Amino acid sequence: MPFTRRDSDFLSRGTRCAGWLYMPDGAKRPPVVVMAHGFGAERSFRLSAYAEKFVEKNMAVFVFDYRCFGDSEGTPRNLVNPLMHIQDWEAALRHVRLLEGINKDKIGLWGTSFSGGHVIVVAARNPWISAIVSQVPFVDGISSLMMMDANYIMKAVVAGLRDLLRKISFRSPYYVPIVAKPDTFAIMNSEDAMPGYMALVSEGSTWKNECPARILLYLPLYRPIAYAKNVKCPALMVMAEKDFGISPEAVRKCAKKMNARLVSLPVGHFEPYLGELFEKTSGMEADFLAEQLIEA
């Protein structure tokens, strides 16, 4: 279906966040799907491919960058903070509900990886949300921590404390790589992390493969699964059984708490974003959102 895309920025705690609004041509008051990316990523990293799948189903789509990322303002750059991300999600929702020409009573959320956890939290806090899709979601920092070896945990604590010390002494952040090969410390350094993540980075991007290390201290404390029982809207969860850092058992427990529709795939974390698996999963997600936002 033909569509138009226009810039539609908003403020989150006084900071400008960059957004894109996709509108299907000829649609009258379509429902809208709100989207943002996963850990350390920007909206230009293939979110357009998903948005276009959803627009084909006659849904509007709103895609945004978190503060400190991409085309949004904010410093330090690439600051990953789940509390700030949730604030940005809720600011984006307030913005979307003020837009003309959409159905403000039919709003869905789509998140992936880290934001796959965010949409659970946001839906639990905002019971008027109509549906969510949570793809390869980060659901429980504790279970993810238990998948890491002692050497990684020790390096993570040291890096996180080093950055935190710089923060409280008003110095510039201590950055660590977001992704790297297994022999280099990074937030993600499994065998598939570097090639999988970098395959998503848009051509010509100025994105830097780094983030302030303080997030390493916060990650075990972030547990979207604790909010799952309060999610009342229909939910679709897509799980990667061979995920390097997300426990399949934790995802199953989370899905059960939400009474979500769970699709389990025998793949790694990054495989659903590309190729035939992208076509399969994005089509399934588009069908689910259309079912809940248009047909319901």
C-alpha atoms as a PDB file:
ATOM      1  CA  MET A   1       0.000   0.000   0.000  1.00  0.00           C
ATOM      2  CA  PRO A   2       1.351   3.475  -0.857  1.00  0.00           C
ATOM      3  CA  PHE A   3       2.208   5.585   2.159  1.00  0.00           C
ATOM      4  CA  THR A   4       3.747   8.881   3.185  1.00  0.00           C
ATOM      5  CA  ARG A   5       6.388   9.390   5.845  1.00  0.00           C
ATOM      6  CA  ARG A   6       6.990  12.671   7.587  1.00  0.00           C
ATOM      7  CA  ASP A   7       9.076  13.898  10.495  1.00  0.00           C
ATOM      8  CA  SER A   8       7.108  14.214  13.726  1.00  0.00           C
ATOM      9  CA  ASP A   9       9.308  15.159  16.675  1.00  0.00           C
ATOM     10  CA  PHE A  10       8.276  15.429  20.314  1.00  0.00           C
ATOM     11  CA  LEU A  11       9.677  16.391  23.706  1.00  0.00           C
ATOM     12  CA  SER A  12      10.598  13.953  26.450  1.00  0.00           C
ATOM     13  CA  ARG A  13      11.482  15.643  29.744  1.00  0.00           C
ATOM     14  CA  GLY A  14      12.334  18.774  27.775  1.00  0.00           C
ATOM     15  CA  THR A  15      14.603  17.052  25.239  1.00  0.00           C
ATOM     16  CA  ARG A  16      13.659  16.726  21.557  1.00  0.00           C
ATOM     17  CA  CYS A  17      13.171  13.184  20.322  1.00  0.00           C
ATOM     18  CA  ALA A  18      13.063  12.501  16.588  1.00  0.00           C
ATOM     19  CA  GLY A  19      10.101  10.617  15.188  1.00  0.00           C
ATOM     20  CA  TRP A  20       8.775   9.427  11.836  1.00  0.00           C
ATOM     21  CA  LEU A  21       5.058   9.086  11.159  1.00  0.00           C
ATOM     22  CA  TYR A  22       4.044   6.625   8.437  1.00  0.00           C
ATOM     23  CA  MET A  23       0.510   7.097   7.093  1.00  0.00           C
ATOM     24  CA  PRO A  24      -1.141   4.714   4.620  1.00  0.00           C
ATOM     25  CA  ASP A  25      -2.541   6.661   1.676  1.00  0.00           C
ATOM     26  CA  GLY A  26      -6.300   7.014   1.700  1.00  0.00           C
ATOM     27  CA  ALA A  27      -6.784   5.574   5.174  1.00  0.00           C
ATOM     28  CA  LYS A  28      -9.366   7.212   7.402  1.00  0.00           C
ATOM     29  CA  ARG A  29      -8.411   7.291  11.073  1.00  0.00           C
ATOM     30  CA  PRO A  30      -6.124   4.239  10.976  1.00  0.00           C
ATOM     31  CA  PRO A  31      -4.852   2.652  14.188  1.00  0.00           C
ATOM     32  CA  VAL A  32      -1.194   3.334  14.956  1.00  0.00           C
ATOM     33  CA  VAL A  33       1.751   1.150  15.951  1.00  0.00           C
ATOM     34  CA  VAL A  34       4.458   2.846  18.029  1.00  0.00           C
ATOM     35  CA  MET A  35       7.989   1.460  17.620  1.00  0.00           C
ATOM     36  CA  ALA A  36      11.508   1.961  18.957  1.00  0.00           C
ATOM     37  CA  HIS A  37      14.677  -0.108  18.748  1.00  0.00           C
ATOM     38  CA  GLY A  38      16.663  -2.334  21.055  1.00  0.00           C
ATOM     39  CA  PHE A  39      19.913  -1.937  22.959  1.00  0.00           C
ATOM     40  CA  GLY A  40      22.041   0.939  21.677  1.00  0.00           C
ATOM     41  CA  ALA A  41      20.302   1.031  18.301  1.00  0.00           C
ATOM     42  CA  GLU A  42      18.758   3.783  16.194  1.00  0.00           C
ATOM     43  CA  ARG A  43      15.455   3.907  14.300  1.00  0.00           C
ATOM     44  CA  SER A  44      17.322   3.767  10.975  1.00  0.00           C
ATOM     45  CA  PHE A  45      18.541   0.223  11.779  1.00  0.00           C
ATOM     46  CA  ARG A  46      15.881  -1.614   9.724  1.00  0.00           C
ATOM     47  CA  LEU A  47      12.858  -0.366  11.651  1.00  0.00           C
ATOM     48  CA  SER A  48      11.626   1.110   8.369  1.00  0.00           C
ATOM     49  CA  ALA A  49      11.369  -2.415   6.968  1.00  0.00           C
ATOM     50  CA  TYR A  50       9.006  -3.381   9.777  1.00  0.00           C
ATOM     51  CA  ALA A  51       7.069  -0.115   9.550  1.00  0.00           C
ATOM     52  CA  GLU A  52       6.413  -0.679   5.857  1.00  0.00           C
ATOM     53  CA  LYS A  53       5.074  -4.176   6.592  1.00  0.00           C
ATOM     54  CA  PHE A  54       2.631  -2.709   9.076  1.00  0.00           C
ATOM     55  CA  VAL A  55       1.584   0.151   6.775  1.00  0.00           C
ATOM     56  CA  GLU A  56       0.707  -2.459   4.160  1.00  0.00           C
ATOM     57  CA  LYS A  57      -1.968  -3.635   6.591  1.00  0.00           C
ATOM     58  CA  ASN A  58      -3.540  -0.175   6.625  1.00  0.00           C
ATOM     59  CA  MET A  59      -2.031   0.852   9.971  1.00  0.00           C
ATOM     60  CA  ALA A  60      -0.185   4.078  10.711  1.00  0.00           C
ATOM     61  CA  VAL A  61       3.238   3.674  12.333  1.00  0.00           C
ATOM     62  CA  PHE A  62       5.233   5.998  14.602  1.00  0.00           C
ATOM     63  CA  VAL A  63       8.965   5.252  14.901  1.00  0.00           C
ATOM     64  CA  PHE A  64      11.255   7.214  17.208  1.00  0.00           C
ATOM     65  CA  ASP A  65      14.803   7.514  18.531  1.00  0.00           C
ATOM     66  CA  TYR A  66      15.418   7.623  22.268  1.00  0.00           C
ATOM     67  CA  ARG A  67      17.046  10.632  23.832  1.00  0.00           C
ATOM     68  CA  CYS A  68      20.816  10.592  23.230  1.00  0.00           C
ATOM     69  CA  PHE A  69      20.429   8.397  20.119  1.00  0.00           C
ATOM     70  CA  GLY A  70      20.244   8.930  16.383  1.00  0.00           C
ATOM     71  CA  ASP A  71      18.541  12.151  15.356  1.00  0.00           C
ATOM     72  CA  SER A  72      17.307  12.887  18.869  1.00  0.00           C
ATOM     73  CA  GLU A  73      19.011  15.370  21.138  1.00  0.00           C
ATOM     74  CA  GLY A  74      20.556  14.618  24.527  1.00  0.00           C
ATOM     75  CA  THR A  75      23.910  13.857  26.090  1.00  0.00           C
ATOM     76  CA  PRO A  76      25.935  11.833  26.798  1.00  0.00           C
ATOM     77  CA  ARG A  77      25.478  10.173  23.454  1.00  0.00           C
ATOM     78  CA  ASN A  78      24.361   6.547  23.324  1.00  0.00           C
ATOM     79  CA  LEU A  79      23.334   6.575  26.984  1.00  0.00           C
ATOM     80  CA  VAL A  80      21.345   3.396  27.589  1.00  0.00           C
ATOM     81  CA  ASN A  81      19.011   3.788  30.544  1.00  0.00           C
ATOM     82  CA  PRO A  82      15.773   1.767  30.781  1.00  0.00           C
ATOM     83  CA  LEU A  83      14.061   4.348  33.006  1.00  0.00           C
ATOM     84  CA  MET A  84      14.756   7.092  30.450  1.00  0.00           C
ATOM     85  CA  HIS A  85      13.630   4.806  27.632  1.00  0.00           C
ATOM     86  CA  ILE A  86      10.297   4.161  29.350  1.00  0.00           C
ATOM     87  CA  GLN A  87       9.875   7.924  29.818  1.00  0.00           C
ATOM     88  CA  ASP A  88      10.530   8.379  26.094  1.00  0.00           C
ATOM     89  CA  TRP A  89       7.985   5.688  25.193  1.00  0.00           C
ATOM     90  CA  GLU A  90       5.330   7.378  27.289  1.00  0.00           C
ATOM     91  CA  ALA A  91       6.197  10.812  25.870  1.00  0.00           C
ATOM     92  CA  ALA A  92       5.892   9.327  22.373  1.00  0.00           C
ATOM     93  CA  LEU A  93       2.461   7.953  23.265  1.00  0.00           C
ATOM     94  CA  ARG A  94       1.287  11.338  24.520  1.00  0.00           C
ATOM     95  CA  HIS A  95       2.522  12.859  21.258  1.00  0.00           C
ATOM     96  CA  VAL A  96       0.799  10.244  19.111  1.00  0.00           C
ATOM     97  CA  ARG A  97      -2.511  10.734  20.882  1.00  0.00           C
ATOM     98  CA  LEU A  98      -2.419  14.416  19.904  1.00  0.00           C
ATOM     99  CA  LEU A  99      -1.874  13.697  16.203  1.00  0.00           C
ATOM    100  CA  GLU A 100      -4.688  14.383  13.767  1.00  0.00           C
ATOM    101  CA  GLY A 101      -6.099  11.714  11.479  1.00  0.00           C
ATOM    102  CA  ILE A 102      -5.441   8.564  13.521  1.00  0.00           C
ATOM    103  CA  ASN A 103      -7.585   6.378  15.745  1.00  0.00           C
ATOM    104  CA  LYS A 104      -6.410   7.367  19.213  1.00  0.00           C
ATOM    105  CA  ASP A 105      -8.331   4.465  20.757  1.00  0.00           C
ATOM    106  CA  LYS A 106      -6.386   1.817  18.846  1.00  0.00           C
ATOM    107  CA  ILE A 107      -2.673   2.048  19.637  1.00  0.00           C
ATOM    108  CA  GLY A 108      -0.264  -0.889  19.565  1.00  0.00           C
ATOM    109  CA  LEU A 109       3.360  -1.190  20.636  1.00  0.00           C
ATOM    110  CA  TRP A 110       6.182  -3.045  18.894  1.00  0.00           C
ATOM    111  CA  GLY A 111       9.534  -3.621  20.569  1.00  0.00           C
ATOM    112  CA  THR A 112      12.528  -5.821  19.932  1.00  0.00           C
ATOM    113  CA  SER A 113      15.348  -7.074  22.170  1.00  0.00           C
ATOM    114  CA  PHE A 114      15.766  -4.433  24.911  1.00  0.00           C
ATOM    115  CA  SER A 115      12.649  -2.594  23.761  1.00  0.00           C
ATOM    116  CA  GLY A 116      10.853  -5.929  23.681  1.00  0.00           C
ATOM    117  CA  GLY A 117      11.014  -5.589  27.453  1.00  0.00           C
ATOM    118  CA  HIS A 118      10.093  -1.911  27.371  1.00  0.00           C
ATOM    119  CA  VAL A 119       6.761  -2.562  25.659  1.00  0.00           C
ATOM    120  CA  ILE A 120       5.817  -4.941  28.472  1.00  0.00           C
ATOM    121  CA  VAL A 121       6.508  -2.266  31.080  1.00  0.00           C
ATOM    122  CA  VAL A 122       4.723   0.456  29.098  1.00  0.00           C
ATOM    123  CA  ALA A 123       1.652  -1.699  28.481  1.00  0.00           C
ATOM    124  CA  ALA A 124       1.485  -2.599  32.175  1.00  0.00           C
ATOM    125  CA  ARG A 125       1.616   1.092  33.114  1.00  0.00           C
ATOM    126  CA  ASN A 126      -0.879   2.155  30.436  1.00  0.00           C
ATOM    127  CA  PRO A 127      -3.826  -0.259  30.408  1.00  0.00           C
ATOM    128  CA  TRP A 128      -5.505   1.491  27.469  1.00  0.00           C
ATOM    129  CA  ILE A 129      -2.879   0.079  25.055  1.00  0.00           C
ATOM    130  CA  SER A 130      -4.652  -2.213  22.574  1.00  0.00           C
ATOM    131  CA  ALA A 131      -1.901  -4.746  21.735  1.00  0.00           C
ATOM    132  CA  ILE A 132       1.845  -5.359  21.927  1.00  0.00           C
ATOM    133  CA  VAL A 133       4.426  -7.295  19.947  1.00  0.00           C
ATOM    134  CA  SER A 134       7.588  -8.239  21.839  1.00  0.00           C
ATOM    135  CA  GLN A 135      10.295  -9.706  19.591  1.00  0.00           C
ATOM    136  CA  VAL A 136      13.331 -11.597  21.004  1.00  0.00           C
ATOM    137  CA  PRO A 137      12.653  -9.687  24.241  1.00  0.00           C
ATOM    138  CA  PHE A 138      14.909  -8.876  27.158  1.00  0.00           C
ATOM    139  CA  VAL A 139      12.612  -9.827  30.042  1.00  0.00           C
ATOM    140  CA  ASP A 140      14.755 -10.459  33.123  1.00  0.00           C
ATOM    141  CA  GLY A 141      18.148  -8.997  33.996  1.00  0.00           C
ATOM    142  CA  ILE A 142      18.765 -11.613  36.675  1.00  0.00           C
ATOM    143  CA  SER A 143      18.257 -14.588  34.367  1.00  0.00           C
ATOM    144  CA  SER A 144      20.450 -12.920  31.738  1.00  0.00           C
ATOM    145  CA  LEU A 145      23.181 -12.324  34.329  1.00  0.00           C
ATOM    146  CA  MET A 146      23.145 -16.011  35.216  1.00  0.00           C
ATOM    147  CA  MET A 147      23.989 -16.853  31.603  1.00  0.00           C
ATOM    148  CA  MET A 148      27.286 -14.937  31.809  1.00  0.00           C
ATOM    149  CA  ASP A 149      30.567 -16.369  33.065  1.00  0.00           C
ATOM    150  CA  ALA A 150      32.422 -15.019  36.100  1.00  0.00           C
ATOM    151  CA  ASN A 151      35.146 -13.354  34.030  1.00  0.00           C
ATOM    152  CA  TYR A 152      32.586 -11.341  32.048  1.00  0.00           C
ATOM    153  CA  ILE A 153      30.738 -10.325  35.213  1.00  0.00           C
ATOM    154  CA  MET A 154      33.949  -9.139  36.879  1.00  0.00           C
ATOM    155  CA  LYS A 155      34.903  -7.006  33.868  1.00  0.00           C
ATOM    156  CA  ALA A 156      31.361  -5.637  33.667  1.00  0.00           C
ATOM    157  CA  VAL A 157      31.364  -4.543  37.320  1.00  0.00           C
ATOM    158  CA  VAL A 158      34.752  -2.869  36.989  1.00  0.00           C
ATOM    159  CA  ALA A 159      33.734  -1.023  33.816  1.00  0.00           C
ATOM    160  CA  GLY A 160      30.395   0.020  35.280  1.00  0.00           C
ATOM    161  CA  LEU A 161      31.961   1.347  38.486  1.00  0.00           C
ATOM    162  CA  ARG A 162      34.600   3.191  36.503  1.00  0.00           C
ATOM    163  CA  ASP A 163      31.938   4.974  34.493  1.00  0.00           C
ATOM    164  CA  LEU A 164      29.801   5.672  37.551  1.00  0.00           C
ATOM    165  CA  LEU A 165      32.797   7.231  39.306  1.00  0.00           C
ATOM    166  CA  ARG A 166      33.362   9.477  36.307  1.00  0.00           C
ATOM    167  CA  LYS A 167      29.682  10.452  36.365  1.00  0.00           C
ATOM    168  CA  ILE A 168      29.628  11.493  40.033  1.00  0.00           C
ATOM    169  CA  SER A 169      32.880  13.397  39.578  1.00  0.00           C
ATOM    170  CA  PHE A 170      31.375  15.306  36.598  1.00  0.00           C
ATOM    171  CA  ARG A 171      33.743  13.847  34.026  1.00  0.00           C
ATOM    172  CA  SER A 172      32.971  12.476  30.559  1.00  0.00           C
ATOM    173  CA  PRO A 173      31.681   8.883  30.459  1.00  0.00           C
ATOM    174  CA  TYR A 174      33.772   5.771  30.280  1.00  0.00           C
ATOM    175  CA  TYR A 175      32.551   4.040  27.134  1.00  0.00           C
ATOM    176  CA  VAL A 176      32.607   0.343  26.268  1.00  0.00           C
ATOM    177  CA  PRO A 177      31.757  -1.297  22.934  1.00  0.00           C
ATOM    178  CA  ILE A 178      28.143  -2.301  22.421  1.00  0.00           C
ATOM    179  CA  VAL A 179      29.177  -5.276  20.294  1.00  0.00           C
ATOM    180  CA  ALA A 180      32.522  -6.972  19.698  1.00  0.00           C
ATOM    181  CA  LYS A 181      34.084 -10.306  18.837  1.00  0.00           C
ATOM    182  CA  PRO A 182      34.233 -12.929  21.616  1.00  0.00           C
ATOM    183  CA  ASP A 183      37.849 -12.089  22.507  1.00  0.00           C
ATOM    184  CA  THR A 184      36.988  -8.428  23.230  1.00  0.00           C
ATOM    185  CA  PHE A 185      34.900  -7.207  26.150  1.00  0.00           C
ATOM    186  CA  ALA A 186      31.627  -5.566  25.116  1.00  0.00           C
ATOM    187  CA  ILE A 187      27.991  -5.440  26.188  1.00  0.00           C
ATOM    188  CA  MET A 188      27.406  -8.209  23.628  1.00  0.00           C
ATOM    189  CA  ASN A 189      30.327 -10.348  22.482  1.00  0.00           C
ATOM    190  CA  SER A 190      28.866 -13.714  21.550  1.00  0.00           C
ATOM    191  CA  GLU A 191      29.872 -15.339  18.273  1.00  0.00           C
ATOM    192  CA  ASP A 192      26.862 -13.913  16.442  1.00  0.00           C
ATOM    193  CA  ALA A 193      26.739 -10.495  18.129  1.00  0.00           C
ATOM    194  CA  MET A 194      29.158  -8.522  15.970  1.00  0.00           C
ATOM    195  CA  PRO A 195      28.027  -9.756  12.537  1.00  0.00           C
ATOM    196  CA  GLY A 196      24.367  -9.829  13.569  1.00  0.00           C
ATOM    197  CA  TYR A 197      24.273  -6.312  14.986  1.00  0.00           C
ATOM    198  CA  MET A 198      26.405  -4.671  12.322  1.00  0.00           C
ATOM    199  CA  ALA A 199      24.188  -6.141   9.597  1.00  0.00           C
ATOM    200  CA  LEU A 200      21.432  -3.867  10.906  1.00  0.00           C
ATOM    201  CA  VAL A 201      23.429  -0.631  10.849  1.00  0.00           C
ATOM    202  CA  SER A 202      22.249   1.540   7.988  1.00  0.00           C
ATOM    203  CA  GLU A 203      24.646   2.454   5.191  1.00  0.00           C
ATOM    204  CA  GLY A 204      26.292   5.813   5.784  1.00  0.00           C
ATOM    205  CA  SER A 205      25.342   5.842   9.482  1.00  0.00           C
ATOM    206  CA  THR A 206      27.462   7.948  11.855  1.00  0.00           C
ATOM    207  CA  TRP A 207      26.511   5.688  14.783  1.00  0.00           C
ATOM    208  CA  LYS A 208      29.360   4.813  17.134  1.00  0.00           C
ATOM    209  CA  ASN A 209      29.717   1.333  18.565  1.00  0.00           C
ATOM    210  CA  GLU A 210      29.908   2.424  22.194  1.00  0.00           C
ATOM    211  CA  CYS A 211      27.821   3.327  25.226  1.00  0.00           C
ATOM    212  CA  PRO A 212      28.532   4.551  28.772  1.00  0.00           C
ATOM    213  CA  ALA A 213      29.458   1.511  30.864  1.00  0.00           C
ATOM    214  CA  ARG A 214      27.132   2.369  33.781  1.00  0.00           C
ATOM    215  CA  ILE A 215      24.349   0.363  32.112  1.00  0.00           C
ATOM    216  CA  LEU A 216      26.241  -2.802  33.063  1.00  0.00           C
ATOM    217  CA  LEU A 217      25.386  -2.103  36.710  1.00  0.00           C
ATOM    218  CA  TYR A 218      21.707  -1.455  35.940  1.00  0.00           C
ATOM    219  CA  LEU A 219      20.988  -4.396  33.643  1.00  0.00           C
ATOM    220  CA  PRO A 220      20.525  -7.057  36.361  1.00  0.00           C
ATOM    221  CA  LEU A 221      18.024  -4.743  38.079  1.00  0.00           C
ATOM    222  CA  TYR A 222      15.847  -4.312  34.998  1.00  0.00           C
ATOM    223  CA  ARG A 223      13.104  -6.949  35.067  1.00  0.00           C
ATOM    224  CA  PRO A 224      10.167  -6.383  32.713  1.00  0.00           C
ATOM    225  CA  ILE A 225       8.896  -9.819  33.755  1.00  0.00           C
ATOM    226  CA  ALA A 226       7.903  -8.250  37.078  1.00  0.00           C
ATOM    227  CA  TYR A 227       5.341  -6.125  35.184  1.00  0.00           C
ATOM    228  CA  ALA A 228       4.006  -8.923  33.000  1.00  0.00           C
ATOM    229  CA  LYS A 229       1.043  -9.872  35.208  1.00  0.00           C
ATOM    230  CA  ASN A 230      -0.301  -6.326  34.811  1.00  0.00           C
ATOM    231  CA  VAL A 231      -0.396  -6.471  31.001  1.00  0.00           C
ATOM    232  CA  LYS A 232      -4.063  -6.869  30.086  1.00  0.00           C
ATOM    233  CA  CYS A 233      -3.966  -6.318  26.317  1.00  0.00           C
ATOM    234  CA  PRO A 234      -3.369  -9.071  23.719  1.00  0.00           C
ATOM    235  CA  ALA A 235       0.338  -9.773  23.283  1.00  0.00           C
ATOM    236  CA  LEU A 236       2.499 -11.643  20.783  1.00  0.00           C
ATOM    237  CA  MET A 237       5.981 -12.739  21.860  1.00  0.00           C
ATOM    238  CA  VAL A 238       8.554 -14.067  19.410  1.00  0.00           C
ATOM    239  CA  MET A 239      11.329 -15.997  21.130  1.00  0.00           C
ATOM    240  CA  ALA A 240      14.752 -17.050  19.832  1.00  0.00           C
ATOM    241  CA  GLU A 241      15.575 -20.435  21.377  1.00  0.00           C
ATOM    242  CA  LYS A 242      19.335 -19.996  20.748  1.00  0.00           C
ATOM    243  CA  ASP A 243      19.573 -16.464  22.128  1.00  0.00           C
ATOM    244  CA  PHE A 244      23.029 -15.709  23.544  1.00  0.00           C
ATOM    245  CA  GLY A 245      21.890 -13.617  26.503  1.00  0.00           C
ATOM    246  CA  ILE A 246      18.149 -14.054  27.006  1.00  0.00           C
ATOM    247  CA  SER A 247      16.869 -17.122  28.818  1.00  0.00           C
ATOM    248  CA  PRO A 248      14.165 -18.965  26.829  1.00  0.00           C
ATOM    249  CA  GLU A 249      12.700 -20.185  30.117  1.00  0.00           C
ATOM    250  CA  ALA A 250      12.373 -16.597  31.355  1.00  0.00           C
ATOM    251  CA  VAL A 251      10.581 -15.624  28.142  1.00  0.00           C
ATOM    252  CA  ARG A 252       8.189 -18.552  28.517  1.00  0.00           C
ATOM    253  CA  LYS A 253       7.413 -17.526  32.101  1.00  0.00           C
ATOM    254  CA  CYS A 254       6.862 -13.950  31.016  1.00  0.00           C
ATOM    255  CA  ALA A 255       4.526 -15.009  28.199  1.00  0.00           C
ATOM    256  CA  LYS A 256       2.535 -17.168  30.608  1.00  0.00           C
ATOM    257  CA  LYS A 257       2.111 -14.268  33.051  1.00  0.00           C
ATOM    258  CA  MET A 258       0.687 -12.144  30.214  1.00  0.00           C
ATOM    259  CA  ASN A 259      -1.299 -14.959  28.630  1.00  0.00           C
ATOM    260  CA  ALA A 260       0.579 -13.996  25.473  1.00  0.00           C
ATOM    261  CA  ARG A 261       0.673 -15.811  22.174  1.00  0.00           C
ATOM    262  CA  LEU A 262       4.219 -17.259  22.133  1.00  0.00           C
ATOM    263  CA  VAL A 263       6.068 -18.181  18.947  1.00  0.00           C
ATOM    264  CA  SER A 264       9.329 -20.051  19.559  1.00  0.00           C
ATOM    265  CA  LEU A 265      11.936 -20.111  16.791  1.00  0.00           C
ATOM    266  CA  PRO A 266      15.046 -22.369  16.733  1.00  0.00           C
ATOM    267  CA  VAL A 267      17.342 -19.441  15.881  1.00  0.00           C
ATOM    268  CA  GLY A 268      19.767 -16.934  17.373  1.00  0.00           C
ATOM    269  CA  HIS A 269      19.001 -13.430  18.595  1.00  0.00           C
ATOM    270  CA  PHE A 270      19.705 -11.543  15.363  1.00  0.00           C
ATOM    271  CA  GLU A 271      18.295 -13.941  12.771  1.00  0.00           C
ATOM    272  CA  PRO A 272      14.694 -12.648  12.720  1.00  0.00           C
ATOM    273  CA  TYR A 273      15.798  -9.235  11.411  1.00  0.00           C
ATOM    274  CA  LEU A 274      16.899 -10.364   7.953  1.00  0.00           C
ATOM    275  CA  GLY A 275      16.092 -12.605   5.005  1.00  0.00           C
ATOM    276  CA  GLU A 276      13.364 -15.211   4.904  1.00  0.00           C
ATOM    277  CA  LEU A 277      12.961 -15.217   8.675  1.00  0.00           C
ATOM    278  CA  PHE A 278      12.311 -11.477   8.618  1.00  0.00           C
ATOM    279  CA  GLU A 279       9.595 -11.997   6.014  1.00  0.00           C
ATOM    280  CA  LYS A 280       8.040 -14.731   8.126  1.00  0.00           C
ATOM    281  CA  THR A 281       8.163 -12.989  11.500  1.00  0.00           C
ATOM    282  CA  SER A 282       7.283  -9.487  10.305  1.00  0.00           C
ATOM    283  CA  GLY A 283       4.335 -10.883   8.351  1.00  0.00           C
ATOM    284  CA  MET A 284       3.125 -12.761  11.405  1.00  0.00           C
ATOM    285  CA  GLU A 285       3.522  -9.646  13.563  1.00  0.00           C
ATOM    286  CA  ALA A 286       1.698  -7.498  11.010  1.00  0.00           C
ATOM    287  CA  ASP A 287      -1.174  -9.984  10.892  1.00  0.00           C
ATOM    288  CA  PHE A 288      -1.412 -10.021  14.689  1.00  0.00           C
ATOM    289  CA  LEU A 289      -1.441  -6.228  14.980  1.00  0.00           C
ATOM    290  CA  ALA A 290      -4.032  -5.893  12.224  1.00  0.00           C
ATOM    291  CA  GLU A 291      -6.149  -8.546  13.936  1.00  0.00           C
ATOM    292  CA  GLN A 292      -6.077  -6.662  17.236  1.00  0.00           C
ATOM    293  CA  LEU A 293      -6.156  -3.057  16.022  1.00  0.00           C
ATOM    294  CA  ILE A 294      -8.427  -3.288  12.969  1.00  0.00           C
ATOM    295  CA  GLU A 295     -10.434  -6.512  13.018  1.00  0.00           C
ATOM    296  CA  ALA A 296     -11.108  -6.729  16.771  1.00  0.00           C
END
